[in-house]
Amino acid sequence: MMSAVRRHCEKTVRFQTSLIDHFLWHARTKTVAISQRPVKSDLMSTILGGFDGEFPPVARRIGYRLGLILVTMAMVVLPLLYLGLVAGVIYLLYWHATANLGPLKSTHSFRAIVFLYAGP
């Protein structure tokens, strides 16, 4: 056991030395680990140095090739579907604005026309 005196209240505090040693050990190891970080080029050369020889190419099976074709087709079709959806909404808005004017023609109030046409 060790003891220390706090300055502002003059009380004695007792604590175990093994606990203090434990915290000091962690503090020393963390500062060493931070200060001894490898340089990026050294790290890259260490990683690449672990690979020796040639890597044989992997045979691609028919399922892999069909999957690639399917994904490629989806990447082409999905933007086209999106553009078609946007064009359809624009057309339907134009049709609604020109074909459904019956209630607006019979109304003579400008505020009612703005509310009915642009409100809901």
PDB file of N, CA and C in Angstrom:
ATOM      1  N   MET A   1       0.832  -1.189   0.000  1.00  0.00           N
ATOM      2  CA  MET A   1       0.000   0.000   0.000  1.00  0.00           C
ATOM      3  C   MET A   1       0.873   1.248   0.000  1.00  0.00           C
ATOM      4  N   MET A   2       0.386   2.234  -0.702  1.00  0.00           N
ATOM      5  CA  MET A   2       1.043   3.529  -0.755  1.00  0.00           C
ATOM      6  C   MET A   2       0.061   4.572  -0.281  1.00  0.00           C
ATOM      7  N   SER A   3       0.547   5.717   0.136  1.00  0.00           N
ATOM      8  CA  SER A   3      -0.361   6.776   0.545  1.00  0.00           C
ATOM      9  C   SER A   3       0.076   8.080  -0.086  1.00  0.00           C
ATOM     10  N   ALA A   4      -0.910   8.945  -0.268  1.00  0.00           N
ATOM     11  CA  ALA A   4      -0.641  10.269  -0.820  1.00  0.00           C
ATOM     12  C   ALA A   4      -1.539  11.257  -0.101  1.00  0.00           C
ATOM     13  N   VAL A   5      -1.136  12.506  -0.057  1.00  0.00           N
ATOM     14  CA  VAL A   5      -1.916  13.536   0.622  1.00  0.00           C
ATOM     15  C   VAL A   5      -2.481  14.473  -0.445  1.00  0.00           C
ATOM     16  N   ARG A   6      -3.795  14.671  -0.396  1.00  0.00           N
ATOM     17  CA  ARG A   6      -4.429  15.620  -1.323  1.00  0.00           C
ATOM     18  C   ARG A   6      -4.163  17.031  -0.824  1.00  0.00           C
ATOM     19  N   ARG A   7      -3.902  17.932  -1.703  1.00  0.00           N
ATOM     20  CA  ARG A   7      -3.468  19.269  -1.309  1.00  0.00           C
ATOM     21  C   ARG A   7      -4.597  20.132  -0.747  1.00  0.00           C
ATOM     22  N   HIS A   8      -5.744  20.114  -1.387  1.00  0.00           N
ATOM     23  CA  HIS A   8      -6.762  21.085  -0.995  1.00  0.00           C
ATOM     24  C   HIS A   8      -7.545  20.674   0.252  1.00  0.00           C
ATOM     25  N   CYS A   9      -7.556  19.389   0.634  1.00  0.00           N
ATOM     26  CA  CYS A   9      -8.316  18.997   1.825  1.00  0.00           C
ATOM     27  C   CYS A   9      -7.450  18.312   2.871  1.00  0.00           C
ATOM     28  N   GLU A  10      -6.162  18.115   2.617  1.00  0.00           N
ATOM     29  CA  GLU A  10      -5.212  17.524   3.547  1.00  0.00           C
ATOM     30  C   GLU A  10      -5.640  16.146   4.044  1.00  0.00           C
ATOM     31  N   LYS A  11      -6.292  15.332   3.183  1.00  0.00           N
ATOM     32  CA  LYS A  11      -6.675  13.972   3.551  1.00  0.00           C
ATOM     33  C   LYS A  11      -5.679  13.001   2.954  1.00  0.00           C
ATOM     34  N   THR A  12      -5.476  11.903   3.656  1.00  0.00           N
ATOM     35  CA  THR A  12      -4.569  10.882   3.187  1.00  0.00           C
ATOM     36  C   THR A  12      -5.376   9.834   2.426  1.00  0.00           C
ATOM     37  N   VAL A  13      -4.914   9.501   1.249  1.00  0.00           N
ATOM     38  CA  VAL A  13      -5.569   8.499   0.424  1.00  0.00           C
ATOM     39  C   VAL A  13      -4.618   7.321   0.277  1.00  0.00           C
ATOM     40  N   ARG A  14      -5.128   6.105   0.532  1.00  0.00           N
ATOM     41  CA  ARG A  14      -4.309   4.911   0.395  1.00  0.00           C
ATOM     42  C   ARG A  14      -4.746   4.143  -0.845  1.00  0.00           C
ATOM     43  N   PHE A  15      -3.795   3.636  -1.609  1.00  0.00           N
ATOM     44  CA  PHE A  15      -4.093   2.878  -2.814  1.00  0.00           C
ATOM     45  C   PHE A  15      -3.033   1.813  -3.017  1.00  0.00           C
ATOM     46  N   GLN A  16      -3.386   0.805  -3.825  1.00  0.00           N
ATOM     47  CA  GLN A  16      -2.470  -0.306  -4.075  1.00  0.00           C
ATOM     48  C   GLN A  16      -1.469   0.089  -5.150  1.00  0.00           C
ATOM     49  N   THR A  17      -0.235  -0.314  -4.973  1.00  0.00           N
ATOM     50  CA  THR A  17       0.780   0.025  -5.960  1.00  0.00           C
ATOM     51  C   THR A  17       0.590  -0.758  -7.254  1.00  0.00           C
ATOM     52  N   SER A  18       0.020  -1.954  -7.174  1.00  0.00           N
ATOM     53  CA  SER A  18      -0.156  -2.733  -8.395  1.00  0.00           C
ATOM     54  C   SER A  18      -1.134  -2.050  -9.341  1.00  0.00           C
ATOM     55  N   LEU A  19      -2.130  -1.365  -8.801  1.00  0.00           N
ATOM     56  CA  LEU A  19      -3.080  -0.648  -9.646  1.00  0.00           C
ATOM     57  C   LEU A  19      -2.399   0.511 -10.361  1.00  0.00           C
ATOM     58  N   ILE A  20      -1.568   1.247  -9.632  1.00  0.00           N
ATOM     59  CA  ILE A  20      -0.827   2.355 -10.240  1.00  0.00           C
ATOM     60  C   ILE A  20       0.114   1.822 -11.312  1.00  0.00           C
ATOM     61  N   ASP A  21       0.818   0.738 -11.022  1.00  0.00           N
ATOM     62  CA  ASP A  21       1.714   0.148 -12.017  1.00  0.00           C
ATOM     63  C   ASP A  21       0.951  -0.287 -13.262  1.00  0.00           C
ATOM     64  N   HIS A  22      -0.245  -0.800 -13.075  1.00  0.00           N
ATOM     65  CA  HIS A  22      -1.069  -1.226 -14.207  1.00  0.00           C
ATOM     66  C   HIS A  22      -1.400  -0.028 -15.110  1.00  0.00           C
ATOM     67  N   PHE A  23      -1.830   1.079 -14.511  1.00  0.00           N
ATOM     68  CA  PHE A  23      -2.153   2.265 -15.308  1.00  0.00           C
ATOM     69  C   PHE A  23      -0.926   2.851 -15.976  1.00  0.00           C
ATOM     70  N   LEU A  24       0.203   2.874 -15.278  1.00  0.00           N
ATOM     71  CA  LEU A  24       1.428   3.391 -15.876  1.00  0.00           C
ATOM     72  C   LEU A  24       1.900   2.512 -17.025  1.00  0.00           C
ATOM     73  N   TRP A  25       1.754   1.189 -16.887  1.00  0.00           N
ATOM     74  CA  TRP A  25       2.140   0.290 -17.970  1.00  0.00           C
ATOM     75  C   TRP A  25       1.299   0.567 -19.214  1.00  0.00           C
ATOM     76  N   HIS A  26      -0.035   0.745 -19.031  1.00  0.00           N
ATOM     77  CA  HIS A  26      -0.896   1.051 -20.179  1.00  0.00           C
ATOM     78  C   HIS A  26      -0.521   2.385 -20.815  1.00  0.00           C
ATOM     79  N   ALA A  27      -0.205   3.369 -19.999  1.00  0.00           N
ATOM     80  CA  ALA A  27       0.171   4.676 -20.540  1.00  0.00           C
ATOM     81  C   ALA A  27       1.468   4.577 -21.331  1.00  0.00           C
ATOM     82  N   ARG A  28       2.433   3.824 -20.844  1.00  0.00           N
ATOM     83  CA  ARG A  28       3.704   3.678 -21.568  1.00  0.00           C
ATOM     84  C   ARG A  28       3.512   2.937 -22.877  1.00  0.00           C
ATOM     85  N   THR A  29       2.724   1.869 -22.879  1.00  0.00           N
ATOM     86  CA  THR A  29       2.555   1.094 -24.111  1.00  0.00           C
ATOM     87  C   THR A  29       1.785   1.879 -25.159  1.00  0.00           C
ATOM     88  N   LYS A  30       0.828   2.698 -24.737  1.00  0.00           N
ATOM     89  CA  LYS A  30       0.071   3.469 -25.722  1.00  0.00           C
ATOM     90  C   LYS A  30       0.945   4.540 -26.352  1.00  0.00           C
ATOM     91  N   THR A  31       1.795   5.203 -25.578  1.00  0.00           N
ATOM     92  CA  THR A  31       2.642   6.232 -26.164  1.00  0.00           C
ATOM     93  C   THR A  31       3.692   5.611 -27.075  1.00  0.00           C
ATOM     94  N   VAL A  32       4.188   4.436 -26.722  1.00  0.00           N
ATOM     95  CA  VAL A  32       5.160   3.769 -27.580  1.00  0.00           C
ATOM     96  C   VAL A  32       4.496   3.348 -28.879  1.00  0.00           C
ATOM     97  N   ALA A  33       3.264   2.817 -28.790  1.00  0.00           N
ATOM     98  CA  ALA A  33       2.575   2.359 -30.000  1.00  0.00           C
ATOM     99  C   ALA A  33       2.284   3.521 -30.932  1.00  0.00           C
ATOM    100  N   ILE A  34       1.924   4.675 -30.383  1.00  0.00           N
ATOM    101  CA  ILE A  34       1.616   5.830 -31.227  1.00  0.00           C
ATOM    102  C   ILE A  34       2.892   6.396 -31.843  1.00  0.00           C
ATOM    103  N   SER A  35       3.966   6.461 -31.055  1.00  0.00           N
ATOM    104  CA  SER A  35       5.192   7.069 -31.569  1.00  0.00           C
ATOM    105  C   SER A  35       5.916   6.154 -32.559  1.00  0.00           C
ATOM    106  N   GLN A  36       5.661   4.860 -32.543  1.00  0.00           N
ATOM    107  CA  GLN A  36       6.369   3.950 -33.431  1.00  0.00           C
ATOM    108  C   GLN A  36       5.476   3.430 -34.551  1.00  0.00           C
ATOM    109  N   ARG A  37       4.564   4.234 -35.022  1.00  0.00           N
ATOM    110  CA  ARG A  37       3.753   3.820 -36.169  1.00  0.00           C
ATOM    111  C   ARG A  37       4.636   3.690 -37.396  1.00  0.00           C
ATOM    112  N   PRO A  38       4.411   2.652 -38.188  1.00  0.00           N
ATOM    113  CA  PRO A  38       5.248   2.498 -39.386  1.00  0.00           C
ATOM    114  C   PRO A  38       4.868   3.529 -40.452  1.00  0.00           C
ATOM    115  N   VAL A  39       5.853   3.891 -41.225  1.00  0.00           N
ATOM    116  CA  VAL A  39       5.615   4.792 -42.347  1.00  0.00           C
ATOM    117  C   VAL A  39       4.821   4.025 -43.397  1.00  0.00           C
ATOM    118  N   LYS A  40       3.984   4.735 -44.175  1.00  0.00           N
ATOM    119  CA  LYS A  40       3.099   4.070 -45.122  1.00  0.00           C
ATOM    120  C   LYS A  40       3.874   3.246 -46.145  1.00  0.00           C
ATOM    121  N   SER A  41       4.977   3.747 -46.624  1.00  0.00           N
ATOM    122  CA  SER A  41       5.744   2.995 -47.617  1.00  0.00           C
ATOM    123  C   SER A  41       6.359   1.735 -46.988  1.00  0.00           C
ATOM    124  N   ASP A  42       6.808   1.831 -45.733  1.00  0.00           N
ATOM    125  CA  ASP A  42       7.339   0.646 -45.052  1.00  0.00           C
ATOM    126  C   ASP A  42       6.247  -0.395 -44.841  1.00  0.00           C
ATOM    127  N   LEU A  43       5.058   0.054 -44.475  1.00  0.00           N
ATOM    128  CA  LEU A  43       3.940  -0.859 -44.271  1.00  0.00           C
ATOM    129  C   LEU A  43       3.564  -1.551 -45.585  1.00  0.00           C
ATOM    130  N   MET A  44       3.530  -0.797 -46.674  1.00  0.00           N
ATOM    131  CA  MET A  44       3.183  -1.368 -47.974  1.00  0.00           C
ATOM    132  C   MET A  44       4.230  -2.383 -48.416  1.00  0.00           C
ATOM    133  N   SER A  45       5.489  -2.073 -48.224  1.00  0.00           N
ATOM    134  CA  SER A  45       6.537  -3.023 -48.630  1.00  0.00           C
ATOM    135  C   SER A  45       6.502  -4.276 -47.753  1.00  0.00           C
ATOM    136  N   THR A  46       6.139  -4.132 -46.484  1.00  0.00           N
ATOM    137  CA  THR A  46       6.015  -5.296 -45.603  1.00  0.00           C
ATOM    138  C   THR A  46       4.869  -6.191 -46.048  1.00  0.00           C
ATOM    139  N   ILE A  47       3.747  -5.583 -46.387  1.00  0.00           N
ATOM    140  CA  ILE A  47       2.586  -6.366 -46.835  1.00  0.00           C
ATOM    141  C   ILE A  47       2.890  -7.060 -48.157  1.00  0.00           C
ATOM    142  N   LEU A  48       3.432  -6.318 -49.121  1.00  0.00           N
ATOM    143  CA  LEU A  48       3.723  -6.912 -50.425  1.00  0.00           C
ATOM    144  C   LEU A  48       4.859  -7.925 -50.352  1.00  0.00           C
ATOM    145  N   GLY A  49       5.745  -7.790 -49.363  1.00  0.00           N
ATOM    146  CA  GLY A  49       6.834  -8.744 -49.210  1.00  0.00           C
ATOM    147  C   GLY A  49       6.342 -10.118 -48.765  1.00  0.00           C
ATOM    148  N   GLY A  50       5.146 -10.190 -48.217  1.00  0.00           N
ATOM    149  CA  GLY A  50       4.592 -11.461 -47.798  1.00  0.00           C
ATOM    150  C   GLY A  50       4.063 -12.300 -48.941  1.00  0.00           C
ATOM    151  N   PHE A  51       3.945 -11.723 -50.109  1.00  0.00           N
ATOM    152  CA  PHE A  51       3.443 -12.445 -51.280  1.00  0.00           C
ATOM    153  C   PHE A  51       4.610 -12.791 -52.192  1.00  0.00           C
ATOM    154  N   ASP A  52       4.865 -14.076 -52.338  1.00  0.00           N
ATOM    155  CA  ASP A  52       5.939 -14.532 -53.220  1.00  0.00           C
ATOM    156  C   ASP A  52       5.346 -15.440 -54.290  1.00  0.00           C
ATOM    157  N   GLY A  53       5.920 -15.403 -55.462  1.00  0.00           N
ATOM    158  CA  GLY A  53       5.509 -16.308 -56.531  1.00  0.00           C
ATOM    159  C   GLY A  53       4.360 -15.755 -57.356  1.00  0.00           C
ATOM    160  N   GLU A  54       3.836 -16.621 -58.185  1.00  0.00           N
ATOM    161  CA  GLU A  54       2.748 -16.262 -59.092  1.00  0.00           C
ATOM    162  C   GLU A  54       1.426 -16.783 -58.546  1.00  0.00           C
ATOM    163  N   PHE A  55       0.381 -16.056 -58.815  1.00  0.00           N
ATOM    164  CA  PHE A  55      -0.959 -16.500 -58.467  1.00  0.00           C
ATOM    165  C   PHE A  55      -1.637 -17.007 -59.729  1.00  0.00           C
ATOM    166  N   PRO A  56      -2.047 -18.258 -59.756  1.00  0.00           N
ATOM    167  CA  PRO A  56      -2.699 -18.767 -60.967  1.00  0.00           C
ATOM    168  C   PRO A  56      -4.089 -18.147 -61.131  1.00  0.00           C
ATOM    169  N   PRO A  57      -4.485 -17.878 -62.358  1.00  0.00           N
ATOM    170  CA  PRO A  57      -5.818 -17.304 -62.563  1.00  0.00           C
ATOM    171  C   PRO A  57      -6.905 -18.305 -62.177  1.00  0.00           C
ATOM    172  N   VAL A  58      -7.987 -17.769 -61.662  1.00  0.00           N
ATOM    173  CA  VAL A  58      -9.097 -18.596 -61.225  1.00  0.00           C
ATOM    174  C   VAL A  58     -10.033 -18.815 -62.414  1.00  0.00           C
ATOM    175  N   ALA A  59     -10.459 -20.048 -62.595  1.00  0.00           N
ATOM    176  CA  ALA A  59     -11.383 -20.347 -63.695  1.00  0.00           C
ATOM    177  C   ALA A  59     -12.767 -19.792 -63.355  1.00  0.00           C
ATOM    178  N   ARG A  60     -13.312 -19.021 -64.280  1.00  0.00           N
ATOM    179  CA  ARG A  60     -14.642 -18.458 -64.066  1.00  0.00           C
ATOM    180  C   ARG A  60     -15.683 -19.428 -64.602  1.00  0.00           C
ATOM    181  N   ARG A  61     -16.635 -19.751 -63.781  1.00  0.00           N
ATOM    182  CA  ARG A  61     -17.666 -20.710 -64.171  1.00  0.00           C
ATOM    183  C   ARG A  61     -18.813 -19.996 -64.861  1.00  0.00           C
ATOM    184  N   ILE A  62     -19.722 -20.775 -65.416  1.00  0.00           N
ATOM    185  CA  ILE A  62     -20.820 -20.226 -66.195  1.00  0.00           C
ATOM    186  C   ILE A  62     -21.764 -19.403 -65.314  1.00  0.00           C
ATOM    187  N   GLY A  63     -21.954 -19.800 -64.061  1.00  0.00           N
ATOM    188  CA  GLY A  63     -22.821 -19.041 -63.152  1.00  0.00           C
ATOM    189  C   GLY A  63     -22.293 -17.637 -62.901  1.00  0.00           C
ATOM    190  N   TYR A  64     -20.972 -17.507 -62.774  1.00  0.00           N
ATOM    191  CA  TYR A  64     -20.349 -16.205 -62.571  1.00  0.00           C
ATOM    192  C   TYR A  64     -20.551 -15.319 -63.799  1.00  0.00           C
ATOM    193  N   ARG A  65     -20.362 -15.896 -64.965  1.00  0.00           N
ATOM    194  CA  ARG A  65     -20.526 -15.123 -66.204  1.00  0.00           C
ATOM    195  C   ARG A  65     -21.985 -14.717 -66.416  1.00  0.00           C
ATOM    196  N   LEU A  66     -22.916 -15.622 -66.116  1.00  0.00           N
ATOM    197  CA  LEU A  66     -24.330 -15.267 -66.233  1.00  0.00           C
ATOM    198  C   LEU A  66     -24.701 -14.179 -65.224  1.00  0.00           C
ATOM    199  N   GLY A  67     -24.131 -14.239 -64.046  1.00  0.00           N
ATOM    200  CA  GLY A  67     -24.373 -13.185 -63.054  1.00  0.00           C
ATOM    201  C   GLY A  67     -23.861 -11.839 -63.522  1.00  0.00           C
ATOM    202  N   LEU A  68     -22.681 -11.829 -64.146  1.00  0.00           N
ATOM    203  CA  LEU A  68     -22.144 -10.581 -64.689  1.00  0.00           C
ATOM    204  C   LEU A  68     -23.049 -10.010 -65.779  1.00  0.00           C
ATOM    205  N   ILE A  69     -23.557 -10.874 -66.635  1.00  0.00           N
ATOM    206  CA  ILE A  69     -24.449 -10.418 -67.708  1.00  0.00           C
ATOM    207  C   ILE A  69     -25.740  -9.858 -67.111  1.00  0.00           C
ATOM    208  N   LEU A  70     -26.284 -10.543 -66.109  1.00  0.00           N
ATOM    209  CA  LEU A  70     -27.512 -10.091 -65.473  1.00  0.00           C
ATOM    210  C   LEU A  70     -27.328  -8.728 -64.797  1.00  0.00           C
ATOM    211  N   VAL A  71     -26.238  -8.549 -64.091  1.00  0.00           N
ATOM    212  CA  VAL A  71     -25.971  -7.273 -63.425  1.00  0.00           C
ATOM    213  C   VAL A  71     -25.751  -6.169 -64.450  1.00  0.00           C
ATOM    214  N   THR A  72     -25.061  -6.476 -65.536  1.00  0.00           N
ATOM    215  CA  THR A  72     -24.830  -5.481 -66.585  1.00  0.00           C
ATOM    216  C   THR A  72     -26.148  -5.042 -67.214  1.00  0.00           C
ATOM    217  N   MET A  73     -27.022  -6.001 -67.469  1.00  0.00           N
ATOM    218  CA  MET A  73     -28.323  -5.653 -68.046  1.00  0.00           C
ATOM    219  C   MET A  73     -29.146  -4.808 -67.068  1.00  0.00           C
ATOM    220  N   ALA A  74     -29.082  -5.140 -65.785  1.00  0.00           N
ATOM    221  CA  ALA A  74     -29.817  -4.358 -64.789  1.00  0.00           C
ATOM    222  C   ALA A  74     -29.285  -2.933 -64.709  1.00  0.00           C
ATOM    223  N   MET A  75     -27.979  -2.773 -64.829  1.00  0.00           N
ATOM    224  CA  MET A  75     -27.398  -1.435 -64.776  1.00  0.00           C
ATOM    225  C   MET A  75     -27.789  -0.586 -65.979  1.00  0.00           C
ATOM    226  N   VAL A  76     -28.120  -1.210 -67.097  1.00  0.00           N
ATOM    227  CA  VAL A  76     -28.576  -0.474 -68.275  1.00  0.00           C
ATOM    228  C   VAL A  76     -30.085  -0.238 -68.206  1.00  0.00           C
ATOM    229  N   VAL A  77     -30.846  -1.234 -67.769  1.00  0.00           N
ATOM    230  CA  VAL A  77     -32.306  -1.154 -67.793  1.00  0.00           C
ATOM    231  C   VAL A  77     -32.851  -0.239 -66.700  1.00  0.00           C
ATOM    232  N   LEU A  78     -32.284  -0.267 -65.517  1.00  0.00           N
ATOM    233  CA  LEU A  78     -32.826   0.536 -64.417  1.00  0.00           C
ATOM    234  C   LEU A  78     -32.821   2.037 -64.693  1.00  0.00           C
ATOM    235  N   PRO A  79     -31.760   2.634 -65.211  1.00  0.00           N
ATOM    236  CA  PRO A  79     -31.848   4.060 -65.558  1.00  0.00           C
ATOM    237  C   PRO A  79     -32.886   4.335 -66.648  1.00  0.00           C
ATOM    238  N   LEU A  80     -33.027   3.403 -67.609  1.00  0.00           N
ATOM    239  CA  LEU A  80     -34.047   3.588 -68.648  1.00  0.00           C
ATOM    240  C   LEU A  80     -35.450   3.535 -68.050  1.00  0.00           C
ATOM    241  N   LEU A  81     -35.665   2.616 -67.098  1.00  0.00           N
ATOM    242  CA  LEU A  81     -36.957   2.569 -66.414  1.00  0.00           C
ATOM    243  C   LEU A  81     -37.212   3.854 -65.628  1.00  0.00           C
ATOM    244  N   TYR A  82     -36.207   4.368 -64.988  1.00  0.00           N
ATOM    245  CA  TYR A  82     -36.354   5.612 -64.241  1.00  0.00           C
ATOM    246  C   TYR A  82     -36.713   6.765 -65.180  1.00  0.00           C
ATOM    247  N   LEU A  83     -36.013   6.883 -66.291  1.00  0.00           N
ATOM    248  CA  LEU A  83     -36.329   7.950 -67.242  1.00  0.00           C
ATOM    249  C   LEU A  83     -37.731   7.778 -67.817  1.00  0.00           C
ATOM    250  N   GLY A  84     -38.142   6.542 -68.073  1.00  0.00           N
ATOM    251  CA  GLY A  84     -39.504   6.290 -68.549  1.00  0.00           C
ATOM    252  C   GLY A  84     -40.545   6.682 -67.513  1.00  0.00           C
ATOM    253  N   LEU A  85     -40.282   6.411 -66.250  1.00  0.00           N
ATOM    254  CA  LEU A  85     -41.197   6.799 -65.184  1.00  0.00           C
ATOM    255  C   LEU A  85     -41.314   8.315 -65.081  1.00  0.00           C
ATOM    256  N   VAL A  86     -40.213   9.011 -65.160  1.00  0.00           N
ATOM    257  CA  VAL A  86     -40.237  10.476 -65.118  1.00  0.00           C
ATOM    258  C   VAL A  86     -40.993  11.029 -66.321  1.00  0.00           C
ATOM    259  N   ALA A  87     -40.765  10.484 -67.518  1.00  0.00           N
ATOM    260  CA  ALA A  87     -41.476  10.940 -68.711  1.00  0.00           C
ATOM    261  C   ALA A  87     -42.970  10.654 -68.586  1.00  0.00           C
ATOM    262  N   GLY A  88     -43.347   9.504 -68.023  1.00  0.00           N
ATOM    263  CA  GLY A  88     -44.759   9.184 -67.834  1.00  0.00           C
ATOM    264  C   GLY A  88     -45.440  10.142 -66.871  1.00  0.00           C
ATOM    265  N   VAL A  89     -44.764  10.503 -65.787  1.00  0.00           N
ATOM    266  CA  VAL A  89     -45.333  11.459 -64.834  1.00  0.00           C
ATOM    267  C   VAL A  89     -45.490  12.823 -65.482  1.00  0.00           C
ATOM    268  N   ILE A  90     -44.523  13.249 -66.265  1.00  0.00           N
ATOM    269  CA  ILE A  90     -44.624  14.543 -66.956  1.00  0.00           C
ATOM    270  C   ILE A  90     -45.791  14.529 -67.937  1.00  0.00           C
ATOM    271  N   TYR A  91     -45.942  13.452 -68.679  1.00  0.00           N
ATOM    272  CA  TYR A  91     -47.055  13.364 -69.631  1.00  0.00           C
ATOM    273  C   TYR A  91     -48.401  13.376 -68.910  1.00  0.00           C
ATOM    274  N   LEU A  92     -48.535  12.608 -67.836  1.00  0.00           N
ATOM    275  CA  LEU A  92     -49.807  12.571 -67.107  1.00  0.00           C
ATOM    276  C   LEU A  92     -50.128  13.916 -66.454  1.00  0.00           C
ATOM    277  N   LEU A  93     -49.122  14.636 -65.986  1.00  0.00           N
ATOM    278  CA  LEU A  93     -49.362  15.978 -65.468  1.00  0.00           C
ATOM    279  C   LEU A  93     -49.842  16.915 -66.563  1.00  0.00           C
ATOM    280  N   TYR A  94     -49.253  16.821 -67.744  1.00  0.00           N
ATOM    281  CA  TYR A  94     -49.693  17.639 -68.878  1.00  0.00           C
ATOM    282  C   TYR A  94     -51.128  17.275 -69.262  1.00  0.00           C
ATOM    283  N   TRP A  95     -51.427  15.985 -69.343  1.00  0.00           N
ATOM    284  CA  TRP A  95     -52.782  15.556 -69.697  1.00  0.00           C
ATOM    285  C   TRP A  95     -53.793  16.043 -68.664  1.00  0.00           C
ATOM    286  N   HIS A  96     -53.458  15.921 -67.373  1.00  0.00           N
ATOM    287  CA  HIS A  96     -54.364  16.373 -66.323  1.00  0.00           C
ATOM    288  C   HIS A  96     -54.575  17.882 -66.396  1.00  0.00           C
ATOM    289  N   ALA A  97     -53.523  18.628 -66.688  1.00  0.00           N
ATOM    290  CA  ALA A  97     -53.633  20.086 -66.741  1.00  0.00           C
ATOM    291  C   ALA A  97     -54.458  20.550 -67.929  1.00  0.00           C
ATOM    292  N   THR A  98     -54.497  19.783 -69.007  1.00  0.00           N
ATOM    293  CA  THR A  98     -55.237  20.230 -70.192  1.00  0.00           C
ATOM    294  C   THR A  98     -56.607  19.577 -70.319  1.00  0.00           C
ATOM    295  N   ALA A  99     -56.803  18.378 -69.826  1.00  0.00           N
ATOM    296  CA  ALA A  99     -58.065  17.668 -70.043  1.00  0.00           C
ATOM    297  C   ALA A  99     -59.062  17.848 -68.910  1.00  0.00           C
ATOM    298  N   ASN A 100     -58.640  18.135 -67.729  1.00  0.00           N
ATOM    299  CA  ASN A 100     -59.541  18.216 -66.582  1.00  0.00           C
ATOM    300  C   ASN A 100     -59.761  19.665 -66.151  1.00  0.00           C
ATOM    301  N   LEU A 101     -60.160  20.496 -67.079  1.00  0.00           N
ATOM    302  CA  LEU A 101     -60.383  21.901 -66.782  1.00  0.00           C
ATOM    303  C   LEU A 101     -61.855  22.229 -66.545  1.00  0.00           C
ATOM    304  N   GLY A 102     -62.765  21.259 -66.553  1.00  0.00           N
ATOM    305  CA  GLY A 102     -64.200  21.504 -66.393  1.00  0.00           C
ATOM    306  C   GLY A 102     -64.549  22.286 -65.141  1.00  0.00           C
ATOM    307  N   PRO A 103     -64.109  21.871 -63.955  1.00  0.00           N
ATOM    308  CA  PRO A 103     -64.451  22.642 -62.748  1.00  0.00           C
ATOM    309  C   PRO A 103     -63.842  24.040 -62.745  1.00  0.00           C
ATOM    310  N   LEU A 104     -62.703  24.216 -63.404  1.00  0.00           N
ATOM    311  CA  LEU A 104     -62.070  25.529 -63.399  1.00  0.00           C
ATOM    312  C   LEU A 104     -62.773  26.506 -64.348  1.00  0.00           C
ATOM    313  N   LYS A 105     -63.360  26.002 -65.427  1.00  0.00           N
ATOM    314  CA  LYS A 105     -64.027  26.879 -66.381  1.00  0.00           C
ATOM    315  C   LYS A 105     -65.326  27.451 -65.815  1.00  0.00           C
ATOM    316  N   SER A 106     -65.967  26.688 -64.950  1.00  0.00           N
ATOM    317  CA  SER A 106     -67.234  27.172 -64.390  1.00  0.00           C
ATOM    318  C   SER A 106     -67.030  28.064 -63.171  1.00  0.00           C
ATOM    319  N   THR A 107     -65.819  28.123 -62.625  1.00  0.00           N
ATOM    320  CA  THR A 107     -65.535  28.953 -61.456  1.00  0.00           C
ATOM    321  C   THR A 107     -65.024  30.304 -61.925  1.00  0.00           C
ATOM    322  N   HIS A 108     -65.546  31.371 -61.282  1.00  0.00           N
ATOM    323  CA  HIS A 108     -65.139  32.716 -61.705  1.00  0.00           C
ATOM    324  C   HIS A 108     -64.231  33.395 -60.690  1.00  0.00           C
ATOM    325  N   SER A 109     -63.944  32.743 -59.592  1.00  0.00           N
ATOM    326  CA  SER A 109     -63.079  33.314 -58.561  1.00  0.00           C
ATOM    327  C   SER A 109     -61.632  32.877 -58.808  1.00  0.00           C
ATOM    328  N   PHE A 110     -60.757  33.868 -58.860  1.00  0.00           N
ATOM    329  CA  PHE A 110     -59.345  33.572 -59.105  1.00  0.00           C
ATOM    330  C   PHE A 110     -58.744  32.774 -57.956  1.00  0.00           C
ATOM    331  N   ARG A 111     -59.100  33.107 -56.713  1.00  0.00           N
ATOM    332  CA  ARG A 111     -58.577  32.378 -55.555  1.00  0.00           C
ATOM    333  C   ARG A 111     -59.047  30.924 -55.575  1.00  0.00           C
ATOM    334  N   ALA A 112     -60.278  30.675 -55.938  1.00  0.00           N
ATOM    335  CA  ALA A 112     -60.793  29.305 -56.010  1.00  0.00           C
ATOM    336  C   ALA A 112     -60.082  28.521 -57.110  1.00  0.00           C
ATOM    337  N   ILE A 113     -59.800  29.183 -58.232  1.00  0.00           N
ATOM    338  CA  ILE A 113     -59.085  28.511 -59.329  1.00  0.00           C
ATOM    339  C   ILE A 113     -57.671  28.129 -58.874  1.00  0.00           C
ATOM    340  N   VAL A 114     -56.981  29.057 -58.203  1.00  0.00           N
ATOM    341  CA  VAL A 114     -55.626  28.770 -57.728  1.00  0.00           C
ATOM    342  C   VAL A 114     -55.671  27.645 -56.693  1.00  0.00           C
ATOM    343  N   PHE A 115     -56.674  27.692 -55.774  1.00  0.00           N
ATOM    344  CA  PHE A 115     -56.766  26.653 -54.760  1.00  0.00           C
ATOM    345  C   PHE A 115     -57.080  25.284 -55.375  1.00  0.00           C
ATOM    346  N   LEU A 116     -58.036  25.231 -56.303  1.00  0.00           N
ATOM    347  CA  LEU A 116     -58.422  23.957 -56.894  1.00  0.00           C
ATOM    348  C   LEU A 116     -57.333  23.394 -57.815  1.00  0.00           C
ATOM    349  N   TYR A 117     -56.660  24.270 -58.532  1.00  0.00           N
ATOM    350  CA  TYR A 117     -55.679  23.792 -59.506  1.00  0.00           C
ATOM    351  C   TYR A 117     -54.329  23.472 -58.860  1.00  0.00           C
ATOM    352  N   ALA A 118     -53.850  24.365 -57.996  1.00  0.00           N
ATOM    353  CA  ALA A 118     -52.496  24.215 -57.452  1.00  0.00           C
ATOM    354  C   ALA A 118     -52.496  23.722 -56.009  1.00  0.00           C
ATOM    355  N   GLY A 119     -53.627  23.814 -55.314  1.00  0.00           N
ATOM    356  CA  GLY A 119     -53.666  23.466 -53.895  1.00  0.00           C
ATOM    357  C   GLY A 119     -53.488  21.984 -53.631  1.00  0.00           C
ATOM    358  N   PRO A 120     -54.478  21.189 -53.899  1.00  0.00           N
ATOM    359  CA  PRO A 120     -54.359  19.765 -53.566  1.00  0.00           C
ATOM    360  C   PRO A 120     -53.479  19.111 -54.567  1.00  0.00           C
TER     361      PRO A 120
END
